[in-house]
PDB file of N, CA and C in Angstrom:
ATOM      1  N   MET A   1      64.040 -11.071  32.685  1.00  0.00           N
ATOM      2  CA  MET A   1      62.815 -11.756  31.850  1.00  0.00           C
ATOM      3  C   MET A   1      63.558 -11.206  30.495  1.00  0.00           C
ATOM      4  N   LYS A   2      63.736 -11.942  29.137  1.00  0.00           N
ATOM      5  CA  LYS A   2      63.409 -12.440  28.196  1.00  0.00           C
ATOM      6  C   LYS A   2      62.610 -11.529  26.932  1.00  0.00           C
ATOM      7  N   ILE A   3      62.930 -10.572  26.683  1.00  0.00           N
ATOM      8  CA  ILE A   3      61.521  -9.804  26.058  1.00  0.00           C
ATOM      9  C   ILE A   3      62.468  -9.562  24.564  1.00  0.00           C
ATOM     10  N   LYS A   4      61.090  -9.842  23.330  1.00  0.00           N
ATOM     11  CA  LYS A   4      61.116  -9.251  22.061  1.00  0.00           C
ATOM     12  C   LYS A   4      60.233  -8.258  22.171  1.00  0.00           C
ATOM     13  N   LEU A   5      60.444  -7.224  21.417  1.00  0.00           N
ATOM     14  CA  LEU A   5      59.876  -6.119  21.283  1.00  0.00           C
ATOM     15  C   LEU A   5      59.119  -6.048  19.446  1.00  0.00           C
ATOM     16  N   ASP A   6      58.126  -5.957  19.313  1.00  0.00           N
ATOM     17  CA  ASP A   6      57.915  -6.091  18.017  1.00  0.00           C
ATOM     18  C   ASP A   6      58.577  -4.681  17.129  1.00  0.00           C
ATOM     19  N   GLU A   7      58.179  -3.975  16.005  1.00  0.00           N
ATOM     20  CA  GLU A   7      58.483  -2.852  15.691  1.00  0.00           C
ATOM     21  C   GLU A   7      57.887  -2.063  15.927  1.00  0.00           C
ATOM     22  N   ASN A   8      56.635  -2.205  15.938  1.00  0.00           N
ATOM     23  CA  ASN A   8      55.617  -1.561  16.030  1.00  0.00           C
ATOM     24  C   ASN A   8      55.588  -0.406  17.587  1.00  0.00           C
ATOM     25  N   LEU A   9      56.694  -0.638  18.021  1.00  0.00           N
ATOM     26  CA  LEU A   9      56.690   0.281  19.515  1.00  0.00           C
ATOM     27  C   LEU A   9      57.888   0.524  19.501  1.00  0.00           C
ATOM     28  N   PRO A  10      58.228   2.022  20.237  1.00  0.00           N
ATOM     29  CA  PRO A  10      59.177   3.171  20.252  1.00  0.00           C
ATOM     30  C   PRO A  10      60.425   2.309  20.430  1.00  0.00           C
ATOM     31  N   HIS A  11      61.382   2.760  20.011  1.00  0.00           N
ATOM     32  CA  HIS A  11      63.043   2.479  20.273  1.00  0.00           C
ATOM     33  C   HIS A  11      63.669   2.468  21.813  1.00  0.00           C
ATOM     34  N   ARG A  12      62.781   3.727  22.246  1.00  0.00           N
ATOM     35  CA  ARG A  12      63.351   3.721  23.960  1.00  0.00           C
ATOM     36  C   ARG A  12      62.847   2.889  24.804  1.00  0.00           C
ATOM     37  N   LEU A  13      61.569   2.335  24.751  1.00  0.00           N
ATOM     38  CA  LEU A  13      61.086   1.349  25.516  1.00  0.00           C
ATOM     39  C   LEU A  13      62.029   0.079  25.533  1.00  0.00           C
ATOM     40  N   ALA A  14      63.098  -0.105  24.497  1.00  0.00           N
ATOM     41  CA  ALA A  14      64.070  -1.293  24.723  1.00  0.00           C
ATOM     42  C   ALA A  14      65.455  -0.648  25.654  1.00  0.00           C
ATOM     43  N   ALA A  15      65.501   0.099  25.504  1.00  0.00           N
ATOM     44  CA  ALA A  15      66.244   1.181  26.482  1.00  0.00           C
ATOM     45  C   ALA A  15      65.998   1.067  28.276  1.00  0.00           C
ATOM     46  N   ILE A  16      64.590   1.594  27.930  1.00  0.00           N
ATOM     47  CA  ILE A  16      63.928   1.426  29.371  1.00  0.00           C
ATOM     48  C   ILE A  16      63.857   0.591  30.004  1.00  0.00           C
ATOM     49  N   LEU A  17      63.656  -1.053  29.173  1.00  0.00           N
ATOM     50  CA  LEU A  17      63.292  -2.341  29.660  1.00  0.00           C
ATOM     51  C   LEU A  17      64.982  -2.790  30.440  1.00  0.00           C
ATOM     52  N   LYS A  18      65.921  -2.347  29.251  1.00  0.00           N
ATOM     53  CA  LYS A  18      67.065  -3.178  29.713  1.00  0.00           C
ATOM     54  C   LYS A  18      67.723  -2.697  30.818  1.00  0.00           C
ATOM     55  N   ASP A  19      67.736  -1.330  31.036  1.00  0.00           N
ATOM     56  CA  ASP A  19      67.849  -0.342  32.353  1.00  0.00           C
ATOM     57  C   ASP A  19      66.923  -0.959  33.620  1.00  0.00           C
ATOM     58  N   LEU A  20      66.219  -1.693  33.486  1.00  0.00           N
ATOM     59  CA  LEU A  20      65.235  -2.190  34.336  1.00  0.00           C
ATOM     60  C   LEU A  20      66.201  -3.944  34.856  1.00  0.00           C
ATOM     61  N   GLY A  21      66.810  -4.177  33.558  1.00  0.00           N
ATOM     62  CA  GLY A  21      67.694  -5.114  34.230  1.00  0.00           C
ATOM     63  C   GLY A  21      67.332  -6.396  32.898  1.00  0.00           C
ATOM     64  N   HIS A  22      65.961  -5.959  32.063  1.00  0.00           N
ATOM     65  CA  HIS A  22      65.621  -6.917  31.254  1.00  0.00           C
ATOM     66  C   HIS A  22      66.246  -7.740  30.031  1.00  0.00           C
ATOM     67  N   GLN A  23      66.855  -8.481  29.527  1.00  0.00           N
ATOM     68  CA  GLN A  23      67.364  -8.694  28.042  1.00  0.00           C
ATOM     69  C   GLN A  23      66.105  -8.715  27.014  1.00  0.00           C
ATOM     70  N   VAL A  24      66.314  -7.744  26.739  1.00  0.00           N
ATOM     71  CA  VAL A  24      65.591  -7.366  25.470  1.00  0.00           C
ATOM     72  C   VAL A  24      66.234  -7.187  24.093  1.00  0.00           C
ATOM     73  N   ASP A  25      65.768  -7.982  23.038  1.00  0.00           N
ATOM     74  CA  ASP A  25      65.992  -8.006  21.590  1.00  0.00           C
ATOM     75  C   ASP A  25      64.634  -7.340  21.055  1.00  0.00           C
ATOM     76  N   THR A  26      64.783  -6.259  19.935  1.00  0.00           N
ATOM     77  CA  THR A  26      63.737  -5.890  18.674  1.00  0.00           C
ATOM     78  C   THR A  26      63.715  -6.520  17.840  1.00  0.00           C
ATOM     79  N   ALA A  27      62.810  -6.258  16.818  1.00  0.00           N
ATOM     80  CA  ALA A  27      62.617  -6.885  15.775  1.00  0.00           C
ATOM     81  C   ALA A  27      63.657  -5.921  14.629  1.00  0.00           C
ATOM     82  N   PHE A  28      63.675  -4.940  15.329  1.00  0.00           N
ATOM     83  CA  PHE A  28      64.712  -3.709  14.213  1.00  0.00           C
ATOM     84  C   PHE A  28      65.948  -4.415  14.246  1.00  0.00           C
ATOM     85  N   GLU A  29      66.447  -4.731  15.806  1.00  0.00           N
ATOM     86  CA  GLU A  29      67.994  -5.526  15.698  1.00  0.00           C
ATOM     87  C   GLU A  29      68.242  -6.973  15.151  1.00  0.00           C
ATOM     88  N   GLU A  30      67.167  -7.506  15.259  1.00  0.00           N
ATOM     89  CA  GLU A  30      66.984  -8.876  14.536  1.00  0.00           C
ATOM     90  C   GLU A  30      66.847  -8.896  13.129  1.00  0.00           C
ATOM     91  N   ARG A  31      66.297  -8.005  12.540  1.00  0.00           N
ATOM     92  CA  ARG A  31      66.052  -7.448  10.936  1.00  0.00           C
ATOM     93  C   ARG A  31      64.445  -8.343  10.830  1.00  0.00           C
ATOM     94  N   LEU A  32      64.046  -7.913  11.589  1.00  0.00           N
ATOM     95  CA  LEU A  32      62.584  -8.703  11.628  1.00  0.00           C
ATOM     96  C   LEU A  32      61.312  -7.809  11.278  1.00  0.00           C
ATOM     97  N   ILE A  33      62.064  -6.385  10.528  1.00  0.00           N
ATOM     98  CA  ILE A  33      61.422  -5.341   9.954  1.00  0.00           C
ATOM     99  C   ILE A  33      60.706  -5.855   8.915  1.00  0.00           C
ATOM    100  N   GLY A  34      59.035  -5.451   9.039  1.00  0.00           N
ATOM    101  CA  GLY A  34      58.436  -5.934   7.677  1.00  0.00           C
ATOM    102  C   GLY A  34      57.837  -7.327   7.676  1.00  0.00           C
ATOM    103  N   ARG A  35      58.487  -8.575   8.483  1.00  0.00           N
ATOM    104  CA  ARG A  35      57.977  -9.938   8.385  1.00  0.00           C
ATOM    105  C   ARG A  35      56.417  -9.910   9.294  1.00  0.00           C
ATOM    106  N   PRO A  36      55.958 -10.920   8.441  1.00  0.00           N
ATOM    107  CA  PRO A  36      54.436 -11.213   8.938  1.00  0.00           C
ATOM    108  C   PRO A  36      54.210 -11.316  10.364  1.00  0.00           C
ATOM    109  N   ASP A  37      53.600 -10.900  11.299  1.00  0.00           N
ATOM    110  CA  ASP A  37      53.296 -10.888  12.517  1.00  0.00           C
ATOM    111  C   ASP A  37      53.703 -12.595  13.234  1.00  0.00           C
ATOM    112  N   THR A  38      52.981 -13.352  12.122  1.00  0.00           N
ATOM    113  CA  THR A  38      53.444 -14.393  12.762  1.00  0.00           C
ATOM    114  C   THR A  38      54.614 -15.269  12.747  1.00  0.00           C
ATOM    115  N   GLU A  39      55.524 -14.756  12.040  1.00  0.00           N
ATOM    116  CA  GLU A  39      57.294 -14.724  11.839  1.00  0.00           C
ATOM    117  C   GLU A  39      57.516 -14.232  13.105  1.00  0.00           C
ATOM    118  N   ILE A  40      57.059 -12.817  13.478  1.00  0.00           N
ATOM    119  CA  ILE A  40      57.580 -12.505  14.858  1.00  0.00           C
ATOM    120  C   ILE A  40      57.187 -13.308  16.317  1.00  0.00           C
ATOM    121  N   TRP A  41      56.026 -13.810  16.127  1.00  0.00           N
ATOM    122  CA  TRP A  41      55.199 -14.426  17.297  1.00  0.00           C
ATOM    123  C   TRP A  41      56.023 -15.864  17.340  1.00  0.00           C
ATOM    124  N   ARG A  42      56.758 -16.684  16.240  1.00  0.00           N
ATOM    125  CA  ARG A  42      57.120 -17.986  16.101  1.00  0.00           C
ATOM    126  C   ARG A  42      58.481 -17.689  16.453  1.00  0.00           C
ATOM    127  N   ALA A  43      59.186 -16.437  15.940  1.00  0.00           N
ATOM    128  CA  ALA A  43      60.868 -16.118  17.035  1.00  0.00           C
ATOM    129  C   ALA A  43      60.449 -15.834  18.239  1.00  0.00           C
ATOM    130  N   ALA A  44      59.648 -15.112  18.816  1.00  0.00           N
ATOM    131  CA  ALA A  44      59.531 -15.216  20.253  1.00  0.00           C
ATOM    132  C   ALA A  44      59.319 -16.443  21.324  1.00  0.00           C
ATOM    133  N   GLN A  45      58.442 -17.335  20.433  1.00  0.00           N
ATOM    134  CA  GLN A  45      58.302 -18.378  20.952  1.00  0.00           C
ATOM    135  C   GLN A  45      59.832 -19.822  21.009  1.00  0.00           C
ATOM    136  N   ASP A  46      60.108 -19.480  19.982  1.00  0.00           N
ATOM    137  CA  ASP A  46      61.800 -20.294  19.766  1.00  0.00           C
ATOM    138  C   ASP A  46      62.652 -20.116  20.404  1.00  0.00           C
ATOM    139  N   GLU A  47      62.486 -18.728  20.724  1.00  0.00           N
ATOM    140  CA  GLU A  47      63.473 -17.714  21.975  1.00  0.00           C
ATOM    141  C   GLU A  47      63.040 -17.840  23.042  1.00  0.00           C
ATOM    142  N   SER A  48      61.793 -18.419  23.419  1.00  0.00           N
ATOM    143  CA  SER A  48      61.186 -18.321  24.569  1.00  0.00           C
ATOM    144  C   SER A  48      61.357 -16.741  25.409  1.00  0.00           C
ATOM    145  N   LYS A  49      60.675 -16.263  24.574  1.00  0.00           N
ATOM    146  CA  LYS A  49      60.815 -14.819  24.857  1.00  0.00           C
ATOM    147  C   LYS A  49      59.633 -14.156  25.131  1.00  0.00           C
ATOM    148  N   PHE A  50      59.162 -13.215  26.160  1.00  0.00           N
ATOM    149  CA  PHE A  50      57.716 -12.409  26.139  1.00  0.00           C
ATOM    150  C   PHE A  50      57.895 -11.471  25.158  1.00  0.00           C
ATOM    151  N   LEU A  51      56.814 -11.618  24.353  1.00  0.00           N
ATOM    152  CA  LEU A  51      56.507 -10.656  23.389  1.00  0.00           C
ATOM    153  C   LEU A  51      55.369  -9.612  23.346  1.00  0.00           C
ATOM    154  N   ILE A  52      56.136  -8.218  22.969  1.00  0.00           N
ATOM    155  CA  ILE A  52      55.493  -6.939  23.629  1.00  0.00           C
ATOM    156  C   ILE A  52      55.181  -6.512  22.018  1.00  0.00           C
ATOM    157  N   THR A  53      53.874  -6.174  21.889  1.00  0.00           N
ATOM    158  CA  THR A  53      53.607  -5.523  20.527  1.00  0.00           C
ATOM    159  C   THR A  53      52.259  -4.946  20.442  1.00  0.00           C
ATOM    160  N   ARG A  54      51.849  -4.263  19.370  1.00  0.00           N
ATOM    161  CA  ARG A  54      50.837  -3.382  19.185  1.00  0.00           C
ATOM    162  C   ARG A  54      49.476  -4.181  18.623  1.00  0.00           C
ATOM    163  N   THR A  55      50.116  -5.252  18.215  1.00  0.00           N
ATOM    164  CA  THR A  55      49.232  -5.996  17.190  1.00  0.00           C
ATOM    165  C   THR A  55      48.308  -6.583  18.197  1.00  0.00           C
ATOM    166  N   SER A  56      46.963  -6.757  17.503  1.00  0.00           N
ATOM    167  CA  SER A  56      45.735  -7.227  18.447  1.00  0.00           C
ATOM    168  C   SER A  56      45.893  -8.804  18.896  1.00  0.00           C
ATOM    169  N   ILE A  57      45.595  -8.541  20.067  1.00  0.00           N
ATOM    170  CA  ILE A  57      45.869 -10.808  20.567  1.00  0.00           C
ATOM    171  C   ILE A  57      45.169 -11.183  19.650  1.00  0.00           C
ATOM    172  N   SER A  58      43.773 -10.673  19.263  1.00  0.00           N
ATOM    173  CA  SER A  58      43.044 -11.772  18.521  1.00  0.00           C
ATOM    174  C   SER A  58      43.936 -12.124  17.381  1.00  0.00           C
ATOM    175  N   GLN A  59      44.761 -11.728  17.069  1.00  0.00           N
ATOM    176  CA  GLN A  59      45.767 -11.870  15.697  1.00  0.00           C
ATOM    177  C   GLN A  59      46.983 -12.827  16.115  1.00  0.00           C
ATOM    178  N   THR A  60      47.334 -13.048  17.578  1.00  0.00           N
ATOM    179  CA  THR A  60      48.193 -13.700  17.633  1.00  0.00           C
ATOM    180  C   THR A  60      47.822 -15.014  18.510  1.00  0.00           C
ATOM    181  N   ARG A  61      46.634 -15.088  19.335  1.00  0.00           N
ATOM    182  CA  ARG A  61      45.724 -16.257  19.851  1.00  0.00           C
ATOM    183  C   ARG A  61      45.905 -17.255  18.985  1.00  0.00           C
ATOM    184  N   GLY A  62      46.081 -18.238  19.332  1.00  0.00           N
ATOM    185  CA  GLY A  62      45.402 -19.582  18.513  1.00  0.00           C
ATOM    186  C   GLY A  62      46.993 -19.677  17.821  1.00  0.00           C
ATOM    187  N   ARG A  63      48.142 -19.341  17.799  1.00  0.00           N
ATOM    188  CA  ARG A  63      48.969 -19.939  16.775  1.00  0.00           C
ATOM    189  C   ARG A  63      49.776 -20.865  17.310  1.00  0.00           C
ATOM    190  N   SER A  64      50.133 -21.539  16.520  1.00  0.00           N
ATOM    191  CA  SER A  64      50.643 -23.101  16.672  1.00  0.00           C
ATOM    192  C   SER A  64      52.074 -22.602  17.638  1.00  0.00           C
ATOM    193  N   ARG A  65      52.088 -23.703  18.393  1.00  0.00           N
ATOM    194  CA  ARG A  65      53.383 -23.299  19.547  1.00  0.00           C
ATOM    195  C   ARG A  65      53.522 -24.808  19.867  1.00  0.00           C
ATOM    196  N   PRO A  66      54.745 -24.820  19.762  1.00  0.00           N
ATOM    197  CA  PRO A  66      55.505 -26.346  20.382  1.00  0.00           C
ATOM    198  C   PRO A  66      54.768 -26.443  21.877  1.00  0.00           C
ATOM    199  N   ALA A  67      54.614 -27.686  22.255  1.00  0.00           N
ATOM    200  CA  ALA A  67      54.460 -28.380  23.727  1.00  0.00           C
ATOM    201  C   ALA A  67      55.292 -27.606  24.787  1.00  0.00           C
ATOM    202  N   HIS A  68      56.600 -27.798  24.221  1.00  0.00           N
ATOM    203  CA  HIS A  68      57.578 -27.454  25.082  1.00  0.00           C
ATOM    204  C   HIS A  68      57.708 -25.991  25.629  1.00  0.00           C
ATOM    205  N   THR A  69      56.760 -25.559  25.346  1.00  0.00           N
ATOM    206  CA  THR A  69      57.508 -23.801  25.268  1.00  0.00           C
ATOM    207  C   THR A  69      55.946 -23.138  25.821  1.00  0.00           C
ATOM    208  N   THR A  70      56.259 -22.207  26.982  1.00  0.00           N
ATOM    209  CA  THR A  70      55.538 -21.297  27.292  1.00  0.00           C
ATOM    210  C   THR A  70      55.382 -19.813  26.748  1.00  0.00           C
ATOM    211  N   VAL A  71      54.876 -19.014  26.191  1.00  0.00           N
ATOM    212  CA  VAL A  71      55.368 -17.736  25.625  1.00  0.00           C
ATOM    213  C   VAL A  71      54.064 -17.044  26.040  1.00  0.00           C
ATOM    214  N   SER A  72      54.498 -15.766  26.207  1.00  0.00           N
ATOM    215  CA  SER A  72      53.245 -14.626  26.520  1.00  0.00           C
ATOM    216  C   SER A  72      53.618 -13.732  25.408  1.00  0.00           C
ATOM    217  N   CYS A  73      52.169 -12.490  25.082  1.00  0.00           N
ATOM    218  CA  CYS A  73      52.323 -11.676  24.458  1.00  0.00           C
ATOM    219  C   CYS A  73      51.384 -10.711  25.179  1.00  0.00           C
ATOM    220  N   LEU A  74      52.325  -9.343  25.479  1.00  0.00           N
ATOM    221  CA  LEU A  74      51.674  -8.258  26.161  1.00  0.00           C
ATOM    222  C   LEU A  74      51.414  -7.231  24.856  1.00  0.00           C
ATOM    223  N   CYS A  75      49.987  -7.339  24.034  1.00  0.00           N
ATOM    224  CA  CYS A  75      49.482  -6.553  23.553  1.00  0.00           C
ATOM    225  C   CYS A  75      48.852  -4.766  23.834  1.00  0.00           C
ATOM    226  N   VAL A  76      49.846  -3.754  23.420  1.00  0.00           N
ATOM    227  CA  VAL A  76      49.700  -2.382  24.152  1.00  0.00           C
ATOM    228  C   VAL A  76      49.022  -1.565  22.380  1.00  0.00           C
ATOM    229  N   SER A  77      47.464  -1.011  23.622  1.00  0.00           N
ATOM    230  CA  SER A  77      46.536   0.115  22.343  1.00  0.00           C
ATOM    231  C   SER A  77      47.314   0.896  21.511  1.00  0.00           C
ATOM    232  N   GLU A  78      47.081   1.200  20.985  1.00  0.00           N
ATOM    233  CA  GLU A  78      47.281   2.888  20.295  1.00  0.00           C
ATOM    234  C   GLU A  78      47.328   3.937  21.694  1.00  0.00           C
ATOM    235  N   ARG A  79      46.111   3.617  22.210  1.00  0.00           N
ATOM    236  CA  ARG A  79      45.896   4.813  23.003  1.00  0.00           C
ATOM    237  C   ARG A  79      47.130   4.724  24.410  1.00  0.00           C
ATOM    238  N   GLN A  80      47.224   3.647  24.759  1.00  0.00           N
ATOM    239  CA  GLN A  80      48.495   3.242  25.914  1.00  0.00           C
ATOM    240  C   GLN A  80      49.721   4.000  25.492  1.00  0.00           C
ATOM    241  N   ALA A  81      49.976   3.459  24.051  1.00  0.00           N
ATOM    242  CA  ALA A  81      51.234   3.643  23.577  1.00  0.00           C
ATOM    243  C   ALA A  81      51.743   5.349  23.614  1.00  0.00           C
ATOM    244  N   ALA A  82      50.418   5.915  22.935  1.00  0.00           N
ATOM    245  CA  ALA A  82      50.176   7.478  22.832  1.00  0.00           C
ATOM    246  C   ALA A  82      50.825   8.325  23.976  1.00  0.00           C
ATOM    247  N   ARG A  83      50.370   7.714  25.049  1.00  0.00           N
ATOM    248  CA  ARG A  83      51.016   8.369  26.299  1.00  0.00           C
ATOM    249  C   ARG A  83      52.395   8.623  26.634  1.00  0.00           C
ATOM    250  N   ASP A  84      52.995   7.506  26.261  1.00  0.00           N
ATOM    251  CA  ASP A  84      54.240   6.849  26.540  1.00  0.00           C
ATOM    252  C   ASP A  84      55.198   8.164  25.720  1.00  0.00           C
TER     253      ASP A  84
END
């Protein structure tokens, strides 16, 4: 699976997902740190990547996307991430 990790997730998550065989790019690696959520969402869409973030789904829902793409987003709560 092609995955983009937002900057608000632990760097070790990328390594774990890569070890599981996924293609993972991070906002840090792609120099997207500090960029608006809309830009991260757009980058994931443009690259047909599954986005994993702590940003609320309500903040990403309704973003415009090209008709030819289907991109998903997994939003992790603060409580879930703290357990990691």
